[in-house]
Amino acid sequence: MIKNLFAMTVLGAGMAGLAMAQAPAAAPAAASAAPTKVGVIQIQAALAATKEGQKAAAELETKLGPRKKELESRQSEIKDLQDRLQRGGNTLSDSAKEDLTRNIDTKTKSYNRQLEDAQAELEAEQQKLVNVLGQKMMAIIDKYAQQNGFAIVLDVSNQNTPVLYASNTVDITKEVIDLYDKTSFTPTSSGTPARSAPPAARPPAPAPSAAPKPLVPPITSPAKKQ
């Protein structure tokens, strides 16, 4: 459910200048190479595939399960009334049709209001997960990139990322997922993971790129007879 909610994340570390060490007259000069590797990651898939992401998604689904079940029950009730109205087209009186139509319309409006409230709750809960998991994922990407000599890591799970082609050999999604699952985070007083000093450039934590899939679809009120 949370796996199509995360937007483009670009981690840029910049190319550092080559540092030349001055050696004694008889010794050769030593050079320290700056990171030059470029990697790509599918951040949405990575967040959804971590053990913590899967657990969080399951917990959210369980939490909203009763609300979804109630909405599905109301949806089924409205559908039954619509079917009754359709089947009784030639047998019901005009007043009975009007009463049934008004009943359907009232229940549909109430259903759609409840659906909007449930959707707003879902989006708020998902935003909380994005904030927590996104910050942790950024820390892991930092760590992996620095340890493996990456100068830049691009998120290719977002269509707005200007990457037209990327070889599978530079995709670090699986490696980052594995490192995430192996890393223990120590919460701070604000609930975010404790971090060492951040790198010079710090992009914001991922944010949802699109509205999540509705719990259940909305219902259109029946057209009134002219």
C-alpha atoms as a PDB file:
ATOM      1  CA  MET A   1       0.000   0.000   0.000  1.00  0.00           C
ATOM      2  CA  ILE A   2       3.055   2.105   0.863  1.00  0.00           C
ATOM      3  CA  LYS A   3       5.104   1.175  -1.901  1.00  0.00           C
ATOM      4  CA  ASN A   4       3.739   3.700  -4.560  1.00  0.00           C
ATOM      5  CA  LEU A   5       3.871   6.768  -2.191  1.00  0.00           C
ATOM      6  CA  PHE A   6       7.573   7.929  -2.300  1.00  0.00           C
ATOM      7  CA  ALA A   7       8.970  10.693  -4.462  1.00  0.00           C
ATOM      8  CA  MET A   8      12.366  11.388  -6.124  1.00  0.00           C
ATOM      9  CA  THR A   9      15.354  11.460  -3.817  1.00  0.00           C
ATOM     10  CA  VAL A  10      18.682  12.656  -5.197  1.00  0.00           C
ATOM     11  CA  LEU A  11      21.818  12.226  -3.115  1.00  0.00           C
ATOM     12  CA  GLY A  12      24.660  14.398  -4.387  1.00  0.00           C
ATOM     13  CA  ALA A  13      28.095  14.351  -2.822  1.00  0.00           C
ATOM     14  CA  GLY A  14      29.993  16.336  -5.503  1.00  0.00           C
ATOM     15  CA  MET A  15      33.442  15.576  -6.874  1.00  0.00           C
ATOM     16  CA  ALA A  16      36.198  16.656  -4.514  1.00  0.00           C
ATOM     17  CA  GLY A  17      39.489  17.957  -5.845  1.00  0.00           C
ATOM     18  CA  LEU A  18      42.401  15.603  -6.016  1.00  0.00           C
ATOM     19  CA  ALA A  19      44.538  15.989  -2.897  1.00  0.00           C
ATOM     20  CA  MET A  20      48.260  15.705  -3.518  1.00  0.00           C
ATOM     21  CA  ALA A  21      50.443  14.780  -0.569  1.00  0.00           C
ATOM     22  CA  GLN A  22      53.875  16.357  -0.397  1.00  0.00           C
ATOM     23  CA  ALA A  23      56.580  13.696   0.102  1.00  0.00           C
ATOM     24  CA  PRO A  24      60.271  13.918   1.022  1.00  0.00           C
ATOM     25  CA  ALA A  25      62.715  14.499  -1.845  1.00  0.00           C
ATOM     26  CA  ALA A  26      63.425  10.790  -2.347  1.00  0.00           C
ATOM     27  CA  ALA A  27      59.759   9.601  -2.101  1.00  0.00           C
ATOM     28  CA  PRO A  28      57.064   9.763  -4.858  1.00  0.00           C
ATOM     29  CA  ALA A  29      54.021  12.011  -4.404  1.00  0.00           C
ATOM     30  CA  ALA A  30      50.835  10.231  -3.253  1.00  0.00           C
ATOM     31  CA  ALA A  31      47.385  11.001  -4.642  1.00  0.00           C
ATOM     32  CA  SER A  32      44.024  10.452  -2.945  1.00  0.00           C
ATOM     33  CA  ALA A  33      41.334   9.767  -5.519  1.00  0.00           C
ATOM     34  CA  ALA A  34      37.936  11.400  -5.104  1.00  0.00           C
ATOM     35  CA  PRO A  35      34.775   9.265  -5.445  1.00  0.00           C
ATOM     36  CA  THR A  36      33.705   8.957  -9.079  1.00  0.00           C
ATOM     37  CA  LYS A  37      31.084   6.180  -9.170  1.00  0.00           C
ATOM     38  CA  VAL A  38      27.468   6.876 -10.092  1.00  0.00           C
ATOM     39  CA  GLY A  39      24.686   4.678  -8.767  1.00  0.00           C
ATOM     40  CA  VAL A  40      20.926   4.485  -9.108  1.00  0.00           C
ATOM     41  CA  ILE A  41      18.306   3.306  -6.643  1.00  0.00           C
ATOM     42  CA  GLN A  42      14.593   2.594  -6.839  1.00  0.00           C
ATOM     43  CA  ILE A  43      13.728   4.317  -3.582  1.00  0.00           C
ATOM     44  CA  GLN A  44      10.040   3.378  -3.572  1.00  0.00           C
ATOM     45  CA  ALA A  45      10.801  -0.310  -4.003  1.00  0.00           C
ATOM     46  CA  ALA A  46      13.612  -0.086  -1.467  1.00  0.00           C
ATOM     47  CA  LEU A  47      11.442   1.433   1.262  1.00  0.00           C
ATOM     48  CA  ALA A  48       8.646  -1.044   0.629  1.00  0.00           C
ATOM     49  CA  ALA A  49      11.010  -4.033   0.580  1.00  0.00           C
ATOM     50  CA  THR A  50      12.777  -3.357   3.874  1.00  0.00           C
ATOM     51  CA  LYS A  51      11.636  -5.453   6.806  1.00  0.00           C
ATOM     52  CA  GLU A  52      10.640  -2.300   8.671  1.00  0.00           C
ATOM     53  CA  GLY A  53       8.699  -1.016   5.665  1.00  0.00           C
ATOM     54  CA  GLN A  54       6.817  -4.299   5.277  1.00  0.00           C
ATOM     55  CA  LYS A  55       6.001  -4.354   8.985  1.00  0.00           C
ATOM     56  CA  ALA A  56       4.795  -0.753   8.941  1.00  0.00           C
ATOM     57  CA  ALA A  57       2.578  -1.406   5.910  1.00  0.00           C
ATOM     58  CA  ALA A  58       1.043  -4.477   7.559  1.00  0.00           C
ATOM     59  CA  GLU A  59       0.384  -2.565  10.785  1.00  0.00           C
ATOM     60  CA  LEU A  60      -1.255   0.282   8.882  1.00  0.00           C
ATOM     61  CA  GLU A  61      -3.444  -2.141   6.950  1.00  0.00           C
ATOM     62  CA  THR A  62      -4.502  -3.799  10.213  1.00  0.00           C
ATOM     63  CA  LYS A  63      -5.232  -0.430  11.824  1.00  0.00           C
ATOM     64  CA  LEU A  64      -7.441   0.721   8.964  1.00  0.00           C
ATOM     65  CA  GLY A  65      -8.963  -2.702   8.351  1.00  0.00           C
ATOM     66  CA  PRO A  66     -12.183  -2.108  10.354  1.00  0.00           C
ATOM     67  CA  ARG A  67     -12.772   1.222   8.576  1.00  0.00           C
ATOM     68  CA  LYS A  68     -12.259  -0.420   5.198  1.00  0.00           C
ATOM     69  CA  LYS A  69     -14.618  -3.272   6.094  1.00  0.00           C
ATOM     70  CA  GLU A  70     -17.317  -0.799   7.151  1.00  0.00           C
ATOM     71  CA  LEU A  71     -16.958   1.157   3.917  1.00  0.00           C
ATOM     72  CA  GLU A  72     -17.158  -2.011   1.849  1.00  0.00           C
ATOM     73  CA  SER A  73     -20.352  -2.967   3.709  1.00  0.00           C
ATOM     74  CA  ARG A  74     -21.940   0.416   2.959  1.00  0.00           C
ATOM     75  CA  GLN A  75     -20.795   0.152  -0.633  1.00  0.00           C
ATOM     76  CA  SER A  76     -22.448  -3.242  -0.963  1.00  0.00           C
ATOM     77  CA  GLU A  77     -25.665  -1.896   0.580  1.00  0.00           C
ATOM     78  CA  ILE A  78     -25.821   0.939  -1.950  1.00  0.00           C
ATOM     79  CA  LYS A  79     -25.154  -1.448  -4.813  1.00  0.00           C
ATOM     80  CA  ASP A  80     -28.030  -3.660  -3.678  1.00  0.00           C
ATOM     81  CA  LEU A  81     -30.359  -0.656  -3.672  1.00  0.00           C
ATOM     82  CA  GLN A  82     -29.172   0.352  -7.137  1.00  0.00           C
ATOM     83  CA  ASP A  83     -29.785  -3.180  -8.414  1.00  0.00           C
ATOM     84  CA  ARG A  84     -33.273  -3.153  -6.879  1.00  0.00           C
ATOM     85  CA  LEU A  85     -34.037   0.141  -8.616  1.00  0.00           C
ATOM     86  CA  GLN A  86     -32.806  -1.200 -11.939  1.00  0.00           C
ATOM     87  CA  ARG A  87     -34.718  -4.482 -11.644  1.00  0.00           C
ATOM     88  CA  GLY A  88     -37.919  -2.706 -10.642  1.00  0.00           C
ATOM     89  CA  GLY A  89     -37.914  -0.338 -13.571  1.00  0.00           C
ATOM     90  CA  ASN A  90     -41.153  -1.781 -15.003  1.00  0.00           C
ATOM     91  CA  THR A  91     -42.837  -2.856 -11.763  1.00  0.00           C
ATOM     92  CA  LEU A  92     -42.211  -0.087  -9.236  1.00  0.00           C
ATOM     93  CA  SER A  93     -44.464   2.927  -9.067  1.00  0.00           C
ATOM     94  CA  ASP A  94     -43.044   6.364  -9.794  1.00  0.00           C
ATOM     95  CA  SER A  95     -43.260   7.311  -6.102  1.00  0.00           C
ATOM     96  CA  ALA A  96     -41.452   4.107  -5.084  1.00  0.00           C
ATOM     97  CA  LYS A  97     -38.717   4.819  -7.622  1.00  0.00           C
ATOM     98  CA  GLU A  98     -38.322   8.369  -6.348  1.00  0.00           C
ATOM     99  CA  ASP A  99     -38.125   7.162  -2.728  1.00  0.00           C
ATOM    100  CA  LEU A 100     -35.569   4.531  -3.631  1.00  0.00           C
ATOM    101  CA  THR A 101     -33.545   7.051  -5.647  1.00  0.00           C
ATOM    102  CA  ARG A 102     -33.526   9.526  -2.744  1.00  0.00           C
ATOM    103  CA  ASN A 103     -32.432   6.766  -0.371  1.00  0.00           C
ATOM    104  CA  ILE A 104     -29.588   5.790  -2.679  1.00  0.00           C
ATOM    105  CA  ASP A 105     -28.536   9.414  -3.064  1.00  0.00           C
ATOM    106  CA  THR A 106     -28.508  10.025   0.704  1.00  0.00           C
ATOM    107  CA  LYS A 107     -26.537   6.867   1.438  1.00  0.00           C
ATOM    108  CA  THR A 108     -24.100   7.611  -1.398  1.00  0.00           C
ATOM    109  CA  LYS A 109     -23.335  11.117  -0.116  1.00  0.00           C
ATOM    110  CA  SER A 110     -22.810   9.782   3.412  1.00  0.00           C
ATOM    111  CA  TYR A 111     -20.584   7.003   2.087  1.00  0.00           C
ATOM    112  CA  ASN A 112     -18.427   9.380   0.057  1.00  0.00           C
ATOM    113  CA  ARG A 113     -17.970  11.714   3.045  1.00  0.00           C
ATOM    114  CA  GLN A 114     -16.831   8.795   5.185  1.00  0.00           C
ATOM    115  CA  LEU A 115     -14.546   7.645   2.386  1.00  0.00           C
ATOM    116  CA  GLU A 116     -12.918  11.100   2.206  1.00  0.00           C
ATOM    117  CA  ASP A 117     -12.311  11.050   5.964  1.00  0.00           C
ATOM    118  CA  ALA A 118     -10.789   7.572   5.784  1.00  0.00           C
ATOM    119  CA  GLN A 119      -8.605   8.579   2.847  1.00  0.00           C
ATOM    120  CA  ALA A 120      -7.360  11.648   4.730  1.00  0.00           C
ATOM    121  CA  GLU A 121      -6.471   9.457   7.708  1.00  0.00           C
ATOM    122  CA  LEU A 122      -4.659   7.020   5.425  1.00  0.00           C
ATOM    123  CA  GLU A 123      -2.614   9.803   3.822  1.00  0.00           C
ATOM    124  CA  ALA A 124      -1.686  11.269   7.228  1.00  0.00           C
ATOM    125  CA  GLU A 125      -0.523   7.886   8.519  1.00  0.00           C
ATOM    126  CA  GLN A 126       1.451   7.233   5.355  1.00  0.00           C
ATOM    127  CA  GLN A 127       3.122  10.643   5.620  1.00  0.00           C
ATOM    128  CA  LYS A 128       4.310   9.743   9.116  1.00  0.00           C
ATOM    129  CA  LEU A 129       5.834   6.534   7.773  1.00  0.00           C
ATOM    130  CA  VAL A 130       7.502   8.396   4.923  1.00  0.00           C
ATOM    131  CA  ASN A 131       9.086  10.879   7.338  1.00  0.00           C
ATOM    132  CA  VAL A 132      10.501   8.180   9.617  1.00  0.00           C
ATOM    133  CA  LEU A 133      11.529   5.572   7.044  1.00  0.00           C
ATOM    134  CA  GLY A 134      12.708   8.195   4.563  1.00  0.00           C
ATOM    135  CA  GLN A 135      15.155   9.731   7.038  1.00  0.00           C
ATOM    136  CA  LYS A 136      16.512   6.317   7.922  1.00  0.00           C
ATOM    137  CA  MET A 137      16.874   5.399   4.269  1.00  0.00           C
ATOM    138  CA  MET A 138      18.771   8.624   3.586  1.00  0.00           C
ATOM    139  CA  ALA A 139      21.205   7.718   6.365  1.00  0.00           C
ATOM    140  CA  ILE A 140      21.735   4.281   4.810  1.00  0.00           C
ATOM    141  CA  ILE A 141      22.282   5.720   1.333  1.00  0.00           C
ATOM    142  CA  ASP A 142      24.819   8.152   2.792  1.00  0.00           C
ATOM    143  CA  LYS A 143      26.641   5.325   4.515  1.00  0.00           C
ATOM    144  CA  TYR A 144      26.625   2.993   1.527  1.00  0.00           C
ATOM    145  CA  ALA A 145      27.716   5.718  -0.913  1.00  0.00           C
ATOM    146  CA  GLN A 146      30.592   6.871   1.262  1.00  0.00           C
ATOM    147  CA  GLN A 147      31.823   3.354   1.967  1.00  0.00           C
ATOM    148  CA  ASN A 148      31.724   2.337  -1.697  1.00  0.00           C
ATOM    149  CA  GLY A 149      33.071   5.443  -3.386  1.00  0.00           C
ATOM    150  CA  PHE A 150      29.883   6.829  -4.974  1.00  0.00           C
ATOM    151  CA  ALA A 151      29.889  10.481  -5.985  1.00  0.00           C
ATOM    152  CA  ILE A 152      26.154  10.553  -6.731  1.00  0.00           C
ATOM    153  CA  VAL A 153      23.122   8.304  -6.314  1.00  0.00           C
ATOM    154  CA  LEU A 154      19.954   8.961  -8.327  1.00  0.00           C
ATOM    155  CA  ASP A 155      16.454   7.731  -7.610  1.00  0.00           C
ATOM    156  CA  VAL A 156      15.040   6.189 -10.799  1.00  0.00           C
ATOM    157  CA  SER A 157      11.695   5.133  -9.305  1.00  0.00           C
ATOM    158  CA  ASN A 158      10.298   8.605  -9.992  1.00  0.00           C
ATOM    159  CA  GLN A 159       9.378   9.489 -13.579  1.00  0.00           C
ATOM    160  CA  ASN A 160      10.689  13.035 -13.129  1.00  0.00           C
ATOM    161  CA  THR A 161      14.250  11.843 -12.594  1.00  0.00           C
ATOM    162  CA  PRO A 162      16.264  12.869 -15.683  1.00  0.00           C
ATOM    163  CA  VAL A 163      17.747   9.407 -16.218  1.00  0.00           C
ATOM    164  CA  LEU A 164      17.084   7.962 -19.679  1.00  0.00           C
ATOM    165  CA  TYR A 165      19.142   4.817 -19.220  1.00  0.00           C
ATOM    166  CA  ALA A 166      20.894   3.090 -16.332  1.00  0.00           C
ATOM    167  CA  SER A 167      22.668  -0.256 -16.444  1.00  0.00           C
ATOM    168  CA  ASN A 168      21.666  -2.882 -13.922  1.00  0.00           C
ATOM    169  CA  THR A 169      25.295  -2.963 -12.820  1.00  0.00           C
ATOM    170  CA  VAL A 170      24.922   0.475 -11.192  1.00  0.00           C
ATOM    171  CA  ASP A 171      21.617  -0.300  -9.452  1.00  0.00           C
ATOM    172  CA  ILE A 172      22.307  -0.415  -5.701  1.00  0.00           C
ATOM    173  CA  THR A 173      18.701  -0.970  -4.563  1.00  0.00           C
ATOM    174  CA  LYS A 174      19.237  -4.502  -3.225  1.00  0.00           C
ATOM    175  CA  GLU A 175      22.494  -3.594  -1.499  1.00  0.00           C
ATOM    176  CA  VAL A 176      20.867  -0.631   0.231  1.00  0.00           C
ATOM    177  CA  ILE A 177      17.895  -2.767   1.338  1.00  0.00           C
ATOM    178  CA  ASP A 178      20.265  -5.356   2.808  1.00  0.00           C
ATOM    179  CA  LEU A 179      22.273  -2.671   4.609  1.00  0.00           C
ATOM    180  CA  TYR A 180      19.070  -1.062   5.929  1.00  0.00           C
ATOM    181  CA  ASP A 181      17.850  -4.373   7.367  1.00  0.00           C
ATOM    182  CA  LYS A 182      21.235  -4.989   9.016  1.00  0.00           C
ATOM    183  CA  THR A 183      21.459  -1.525  10.586  1.00  0.00           C
ATOM    184  CA  SER A 184      20.199  -0.783  14.078  1.00  0.00           C
ATOM    185  CA  PHE A 185      18.843   2.728  14.541  1.00  0.00           C
ATOM    186  CA  THR A 186      18.950   4.471  17.904  1.00  0.00           C
ATOM    187  CA  PRO A 187      15.930   6.781  18.233  1.00  0.00           C
ATOM    188  CA  THR A 188      16.518  10.336  19.422  1.00  0.00           C
ATOM    189  CA  SER A 189      14.133  12.381  21.545  1.00  0.00           C
ATOM    190  CA  SER A 190      12.410  13.543  18.344  1.00  0.00           C
ATOM    191  CA  GLY A 191      11.863   9.964  17.169  1.00  0.00           C
ATOM    192  CA  THR A 192      14.330  10.168  14.273  1.00  0.00           C
ATOM    193  CA  PRO A 193      17.428   7.994  14.055  1.00  0.00           C
ATOM    194  CA  ALA A 194      20.594   9.267  15.675  1.00  0.00           C
ATOM    195  CA  ARG A 195      23.106  10.328  13.043  1.00  0.00           C
ATOM    196  CA  SER A 196      26.728  11.239  12.862  1.00  0.00           C
ATOM    197  CA  ALA A 197      27.652  14.611  11.351  1.00  0.00           C
ATOM    198  CA  PRO A 198      25.705  15.025   8.071  1.00  0.00           C
ATOM    199  CA  PRO A 199      27.461  15.458   4.724  1.00  0.00           C
ATOM    200  CA  ALA A 200      27.747  18.896   3.166  1.00  0.00           C
ATOM    201  CA  ALA A 201      24.752  18.502   0.854  1.00  0.00           C
ATOM    202  CA  ARG A 202      21.528  17.241   2.396  1.00  0.00           C
ATOM    203  CA  PRO A 203      18.412  16.688   0.304  1.00  0.00           C
ATOM    204  CA  PRO A 204      15.073  16.580   2.096  1.00  0.00           C
ATOM    205  CA  ALA A 205      13.516  13.309   3.154  1.00  0.00           C
ATOM    206  CA  PRO A 206      11.325  11.635   0.519  1.00  0.00           C
ATOM    207  CA  ALA A 207       7.758  12.875   0.211  1.00  0.00           C
ATOM    208  CA  PRO A 208       4.726  11.212  -1.389  1.00  0.00           C
ATOM    209  CA  SER A 209       4.662  11.749  -5.150  1.00  0.00           C
ATOM    210  CA  ALA A 210       0.987  10.964  -5.611  1.00  0.00           C
ATOM    211  CA  ALA A 211      -2.147  10.270  -3.648  1.00  0.00           C
ATOM    212  CA  PRO A 212      -2.312   6.681  -2.374  1.00  0.00           C
ATOM    213  CA  LYS A 213      -4.737   4.180  -3.796  1.00  0.00           C
ATOM    214  CA  PRO A 214      -8.195   4.653  -2.229  1.00  0.00           C
ATOM    215  CA  LEU A 215      -9.293   2.209   0.443  1.00  0.00           C
ATOM    216  CA  VAL A 216     -12.391   1.552  -1.655  1.00  0.00           C
ATOM    217  CA  PRO A 217     -13.672   3.403  -4.741  1.00  0.00           C
ATOM    218  CA  PRO A 218     -16.168   6.272  -4.432  1.00  0.00           C
ATOM    219  CA  ILE A 219     -19.742   5.884  -5.630  1.00  0.00           C
ATOM    220  CA  THR A 220     -21.517   8.208  -8.044  1.00  0.00           C
ATOM    221  CA  SER A 221     -25.017   9.251  -7.097  1.00  0.00           C
ATOM    222  CA  PRO A 222     -27.737   8.082  -9.500  1.00  0.00           C
ATOM    223  CA  ALA A 223     -28.938  10.614 -12.050  1.00  0.00           C
ATOM    224  CA  LYS A 224     -32.279  12.157 -11.127  1.00  0.00           C
ATOM    225  CA  LYS A 225     -35.171  11.867 -13.552  1.00  0.00           C
ATOM    226  CA  GLN A 226     -36.052  15.102 -15.327  1.00  0.00           C
END
